[in-house]
Amino acid sequence: MTRTDRRPRLCLLPGLDGTGRLYTPLLDAFRGDHDAEVLAYDSGYFSGYAALVEALEPALRRNTDMVLIAESFAGPLAVMLAHRNPCHVRAVVLAASFVRAPLPFSLACAAVLDRLSAISLPVFALERVLAGGMLPAPLRRELDAVLEAIPIEVLRQRALAALRVDVRRQLAALDLPLLHLQARRDRLVAARAGDEIVRLARNAQQVVIDAPHFLLQLAPVAAADEIGRFLKRVCILEGARHGS
């Protein structure tokens, strides 16, 4: 069986929380159509994107047919992993993500955040930014549990890393199919960040979904459908190339 005959394995990289617990709506929306796993990050510390790449590579290299799915904070991480392991990655899906400076004033925000010893936003404010309003009760409880389990300093360091990251060079060097799902009502990541992904990548497409930043959580069926269509196109194109 060749690579083009097999269904790829989905590898989900979590956002800022790193737990993967907020991926439940998307996994449910796949309805068992895909073999998927979540690669969670250690919630006790954070030492940069490069360290996360080193920590996750062993799991990635156990399979030669992975599709990386990454939301928000994890977008640069997916690009770095794919760039370093092209033989193990078949395609990349980014959702509400970026490859550098997700906010119009990212560096200024980073300078302010760097001087703060701790951050603590009320959950209702996070709901407004991430979800555009009230979260469904199950997702609200999950978000509460996640925030309680992760040290504030870890979240601050991850936020700083996201504000300062720049993986444009690695993205431009990728020779892999890439899908970016852009949230139409995103209040956290600017639309230009998604446009930049499509402009820089060699083989990319973008689909806009009517959702807030929590696209995969609040529009999981639409996201799963778009990912499924994308994977079918990837298999068709690979099959045509393999047969030519």
Protein backbone atom coordinates (compact mmCIF):
# COMPACT_ATOMS: atom_id res chain seq x y z
CA MET A 1 0.00 0.00 0.00
CA THR A 2 1.45 3.37 -1.03
CA ARG A 3 1.20 6.59 0.92
CA THR A 4 -1.50 7.86 -1.45
CA ASP A 5 -3.68 4.80 -0.71
CA ARG A 6 -3.70 5.32 3.05
CA ARG A 7 -5.84 7.66 5.08
CA PRO A 8 -3.49 10.06 6.87
CA ARG A 9 -3.33 10.18 10.65
CA LEU A 10 -4.40 13.49 12.14
CA CYS A 11 -2.11 15.02 14.76
CA LEU A 12 -3.77 17.85 16.70
CA LEU A 13 -1.55 20.48 18.30
CA PRO A 14 -3.37 22.46 21.02
CA GLY A 15 -3.52 26.22 21.35
CA LEU A 16 -2.20 28.32 24.22
CA ASP A 17 -3.55 25.98 26.90
CA GLY A 18 -1.51 23.05 25.57
CA THR A 19 -3.85 20.44 27.02
CA GLY A 20 -5.91 19.44 24.00
CA ARG A 21 -9.01 19.29 26.19
CA LEU A 22 -10.68 22.00 24.10
CA TYR A 23 -10.46 19.81 20.99
CA THR A 24 -13.38 17.59 22.06
CA PRO A 25 -15.96 19.35 19.83
CA LEU A 26 -13.77 18.88 16.74
CA LEU A 27 -13.00 15.24 17.53
CA ASP A 28 -16.72 14.61 17.95
CA ALA A 29 -17.41 16.33 14.63
CA PHE A 30 -15.02 13.96 12.83
CA ARG A 31 -17.47 11.18 13.78
CA GLY A 32 -14.71 8.59 13.73
CA ASP A 33 -13.94 9.26 10.06
CA HIS A 34 -10.29 9.96 10.84
CA ASP A 35 -7.61 8.39 13.00
CA ALA A 36 -6.62 11.29 15.27
CA GLU A 37 -4.47 11.98 18.29
CA VAL A 38 -3.77 15.07 20.36
CA LEU A 39 -0.19 15.92 21.29
CA ALA A 40 -0.49 17.82 24.56
CA TYR A 41 2.29 20.00 25.98
CA ASP A 42 3.70 19.90 29.50
CA SER A 43 1.54 22.36 31.44
CA GLY A 44 4.12 22.94 34.16
CA TYR A 45 6.67 24.93 32.21
CA PHE A 46 7.39 26.58 28.85
CA SER A 47 10.79 27.33 27.37
CA GLY A 48 9.92 28.34 23.82
CA TYR A 49 8.68 27.02 20.51
CA ALA A 50 12.01 25.34 19.73
CA ALA A 51 11.81 23.29 22.93
CA LEU A 52 8.26 22.20 22.06
CA VAL A 53 9.47 21.04 18.65
CA GLU A 54 12.17 18.92 20.30
CA ALA A 55 9.66 17.46 22.75
CA LEU A 56 7.06 16.54 20.12
CA GLU A 57 9.29 15.26 17.33
CA PRO A 58 9.63 11.68 18.69
CA ALA A 59 5.84 11.22 18.58
CA LEU A 60 5.66 12.75 15.11
CA ARG A 61 8.38 10.51 13.73
CA ARG A 62 6.52 7.34 14.69
CA ASN A 63 4.38 7.86 11.59
CA THR A 64 5.25 8.83 8.03
CA ASP A 65 1.77 9.97 7.08
CA MET A 66 0.73 12.75 9.46
CA VAL A 67 -1.53 15.73 8.91
CA LEU A 68 -0.76 18.44 11.45
CA ILE A 69 -3.80 20.38 12.68
CA ALA A 70 -2.93 23.42 14.75
CA GLU A 71 -4.99 26.25 16.17
CA SER A 72 -3.88 29.75 17.10
CA PHE A 73 -0.67 29.57 19.21
CA ALA A 74 0.23 26.18 17.69
CA GLY A 75 0.39 27.42 14.09
CA PRO A 76 4.10 28.36 14.21
CA LEU A 77 4.78 25.08 15.98
CA ALA A 78 3.14 23.09 13.17
CA VAL A 79 5.17 25.00 10.57
CA MET A 80 8.41 24.31 12.45
CA LEU A 81 7.62 20.61 12.85
CA ALA A 82 6.67 20.22 9.19
CA HIS A 83 9.77 22.11 8.05
CA ARG A 84 12.05 19.84 10.09
CA ASN A 85 10.19 16.61 9.30
CA PRO A 86 8.85 16.81 5.73
CA CYS A 87 9.02 13.03 5.25
CA HIS A 88 6.65 12.51 8.17
CA VAL A 89 4.09 15.20 7.33
CA ARG A 90 1.60 14.91 4.49
CA ALA A 91 -0.24 18.22 4.92
CA VAL A 92 -0.83 21.05 7.39
CA VAL A 93 -4.08 22.59 8.62
CA LEU A 94 -3.96 25.86 10.55
CA ALA A 95 -7.01 27.41 12.23
CA ALA A 96 -7.29 31.05 13.32
CA SER A 97 -3.52 31.14 13.32
CA PHE A 98 -0.45 33.07 12.24
CA VAL A 99 3.25 32.74 11.45
CA ARG A 100 4.30 36.03 13.00
CA ALA A 101 2.92 39.04 14.92
CA PRO A 102 -0.74 38.00 15.31
CA LEU A 103 -1.77 41.46 16.52
CA PRO A 104 -1.26 44.83 14.78
CA PHE A 105 0.91 45.95 17.74
CA SER A 106 2.35 42.59 18.74
CA LEU A 107 5.81 43.81 19.69
CA ALA A 108 4.40 46.65 21.80
CA CYS A 109 2.05 44.22 23.53
CA ALA A 110 4.99 41.89 24.17
CA ALA A 111 7.00 44.71 25.74
CA VAL A 112 4.15 45.44 28.16
CA LEU A 113 3.51 41.77 28.91
CA ASP A 114 7.21 41.20 29.52
CA ARG A 115 7.16 43.69 32.39
CA LEU A 116 4.23 42.03 34.10
CA SER A 117 5.01 39.37 36.67
CA ALA A 118 1.57 37.81 36.27
CA ILE A 119 -1.57 38.10 34.21
CA SER A 120 -5.08 37.29 35.27
CA LEU A 121 -8.05 37.97 33.03
CA PRO A 122 -11.57 37.23 34.22
CA VAL A 123 -13.18 34.37 32.34
CA PHE A 124 -15.96 36.61 31.02
CA ALA A 125 -13.32 38.78 29.31
CA LEU A 126 -11.69 35.72 27.78
CA GLU A 127 -15.09 34.56 26.58
CA ARG A 128 -15.61 37.87 24.82
CA VAL A 129 -12.22 37.68 23.07
CA LEU A 130 -12.15 33.96 22.30
CA ALA A 131 -15.81 33.17 21.75
CA GLY A 132 -17.45 36.49 20.98
CA GLY A 133 -19.89 36.05 23.86
CA MET A 134 -21.19 33.34 26.10
CA LEU A 135 -19.67 29.89 25.77
CA PRO A 136 -21.86 26.79 25.88
CA ALA A 137 -21.90 25.48 29.46
CA PRO A 138 -19.78 22.34 28.80
CA LEU A 139 -17.10 24.36 27.01
CA ARG A 140 -17.17 27.03 29.73
CA ARG A 141 -16.57 24.37 32.39
CA GLU A 142 -13.72 22.90 30.35
CA LEU A 143 -12.11 26.32 29.91
CA ASP A 144 -12.40 26.98 33.65
CA ALA A 145 -10.74 23.64 34.42
CA VAL A 146 -7.95 24.26 31.93
CA LEU A 147 -7.18 27.73 33.30
CA GLU A 148 -7.09 26.42 36.85
CA ALA A 149 -4.63 23.67 35.92
CA ILE A 150 -2.04 25.82 34.14
CA PRO A 151 0.27 28.24 35.99
CA ILE A 152 -0.32 31.86 35.03
CA GLU A 153 3.41 32.28 34.32
CA VAL A 154 3.31 29.48 31.75
CA LEU A 155 0.43 31.18 29.93
CA ARG A 156 2.32 34.49 30.04
CA GLN A 157 5.46 32.94 28.57
CA ARG A 158 3.48 31.24 25.81
CA ALA A 159 1.70 34.48 24.99
CA LEU A 160 5.05 36.27 24.81
CA ALA A 161 6.46 33.63 22.49
CA ALA A 162 3.44 33.94 20.19
CA LEU A 163 3.76 37.72 20.05
CA ARG A 164 7.44 37.47 19.07
CA VAL A 165 7.51 34.43 16.81
CA ASP A 166 8.45 34.62 13.13
CA VAL A 167 8.46 31.44 11.04
CA ARG A 168 7.84 33.04 7.65
CA ARG A 169 11.04 31.57 6.24
CA GLN A 170 10.12 28.03 7.30
CA LEU A 171 6.62 28.42 5.88
CA ALA A 172 7.89 29.67 2.53
CA ALA A 173 10.21 26.64 2.31
CA LEU A 174 7.41 24.11 2.90
CA ASP A 175 6.45 22.07 -0.15
CA LEU A 176 3.28 20.64 1.40
CA PRO A 177 -0.46 21.27 0.93
CA LEU A 178 -1.72 23.71 3.54
CA LEU A 179 -5.22 24.78 4.56
CA HIS A 180 -5.90 27.83 6.69
CA LEU A 181 -9.31 28.15 8.34
CA GLN A 182 -9.89 31.81 9.07
CA ALA A 183 -12.46 32.89 11.65
CA ARG A 184 -14.58 35.70 10.22
CA ARG A 185 -15.32 37.18 13.68
CA ASP A 186 -11.86 36.71 15.19
CA ARG A 187 -11.10 39.36 17.82
CA LEU A 188 -7.68 38.01 18.71
CA VAL A 189 -5.80 37.25 15.49
CA ALA A 190 -5.95 39.84 12.72
CA ALA A 191 -7.27 38.75 9.32
CA ARG A 192 -4.03 39.85 7.71
CA ALA A 193 -2.24 37.05 9.59
CA GLY A 194 -4.19 34.44 7.67
CA ASP A 195 -3.75 36.31 4.41
CA GLU A 196 0.00 36.31 4.99
CA ILE A 197 0.00 32.52 5.47
CA VAL A 198 -1.66 32.00 2.09
CA ARG A 199 0.60 34.53 0.39
CA LEU A 200 3.83 32.99 1.68
CA ALA A 201 3.01 29.28 1.42
CA ARG A 202 3.72 27.49 -1.85
CA ASN A 203 0.58 25.37 -1.90
CA ALA A 204 -2.07 26.90 0.31
CA GLN A 205 -5.75 27.69 0.36
CA GLN A 206 -7.88 29.60 2.82
CA VAL A 207 -11.48 29.07 3.85
CA VAL A 208 -13.32 31.66 5.91
CA ILE A 209 -15.77 30.28 8.48
CA ASP A 210 -18.30 32.44 10.28
CA ALA A 211 -17.00 31.97 13.81
CA PRO A 212 -15.01 33.75 16.55
CA HIS A 213 -11.44 32.87 17.44
CA PHE A 214 -12.62 29.60 19.01
CA LEU A 215 -13.40 28.36 15.51
CA LEU A 216 -12.72 24.67 16.13
CA GLN A 217 -14.76 24.75 19.33
CA LEU A 218 -17.79 26.76 18.17
CA ALA A 219 -17.96 25.76 14.50
CA PRO A 220 -16.57 22.21 14.73
CA VAL A 221 -18.83 20.64 12.08
CA ALA A 222 -18.01 23.29 9.49
CA ALA A 223 -14.30 22.95 10.33
CA ALA A 224 -14.39 19.14 10.16
CA ASP A 225 -16.18 19.28 6.80
CA GLU A 226 -13.59 21.67 5.35
CA ILE A 227 -10.74 19.54 6.68
CA GLY A 228 -12.34 16.43 5.17
CA ARG A 229 -12.70 18.11 1.77
CA PHE A 230 -9.12 19.33 1.94
CA LEU A 231 -7.79 15.85 2.72
CA LYS A 232 -9.75 14.37 -0.19
CA ARG A 233 -8.19 16.92 -2.54
CA VAL A 234 -4.76 16.13 -1.15
CA CYS A 235 -5.24 12.41 -1.81
CA ILE A 236 -6.58 13.05 -5.32
CA LEU A 237 -3.67 15.32 -6.23
CA GLU A 238 -1.13 12.89 -4.79
CA GLY A 239 -2.75 10.01 -6.67
CA ALA A 240 -2.65 11.93 -9.95
CA ARG A 241 0.98 12.90 -9.39
CA HIS A 242 1.89 9.34 -8.44
CA GLY A 243 0.20 7.95 -11.56
CA SER A 244 1.76 10.40 -13.97
